[in-house]
Amino acid sequence: MVKLNDHIFSWSGGKDSAFALYKLKKGGKASPRALLTTVTKDYSRISMHGVRESLLEKQAGSLGIKLEKVYITKFAGNTEYETAMRKLLIKYSTLGVTHVVFGDIFLEDLKKYRVAKLKEAGLRGVFPLWNIDTRSLSRSFIKQGFKAVVTCADTDHIPASFCGREYNEAFLDDLPENVDPCGENGEFHTFVYDGPNFSRPVAFKPGRKVLKNKRFLFCDLVPAN
């Protein structure tokens, strides 16, 4: 059981993170001490999701939770990532934190990896969304009033036209049948800009789209006043 002020949150800025945080709060749990996000320092963007660091900061501000960034380089491998993450986890462990919360749903190998790495730092993992059916989870996310936009699409799995779209009922209805509605297999990534636990929407406008490695299409989100 997560107790008052004894956890931090592994935060991607996407819908699964946002919904896991919401479920914890709805269950009466205290806010995490910090949102822990990996940022690629060469680009000043959330790693994997490609969202600008400035939008991440506005997102955390709207949620009213401290943001803790783990910086890695654009060519970072597992060793660099794990070293940086371990340093921060140990820091929070010495401050009395005992748990780290994740938005993972069903990737067993990833969960085992996380649990093993946390154990090295004397911490335990919490997975509020674990094994929830992703079809019902995706609809529940939308029904609760969250707003998200697709920032990255793996064009090996979904059409390029899905990149930059709102994550809503129409998006889910248009997804190919073999694609997980939560993108749990990496088919797409999102950025949540509003929701029931946001004090205000994160303002942005869509920018240009960039294809990387002939496969991953990113939609830049530009901060708007």
Foldseek 3Di string as FASTA:
>chain_A
DAAAAQEEEADQQFLLSVVLQVVCVVVVYYHYQEHEFEAAVVQCAGPLLRAHVVLVVVQCVQLVHHYDYQYDHPPDDPVRVLVSVLVVLLVSVVVRHAEYEYSAEEDPVVQVVVQVSNVVSNHGYDHSRYPDQQVVVLQVSVVQPWKKFWFKAFCVQFPPVRHGHISHPVSLVPHDPVARSRNNVVRTTMHIQDGPSGNDGFAWDWDDWDDPPVTMIGIYTGGDD
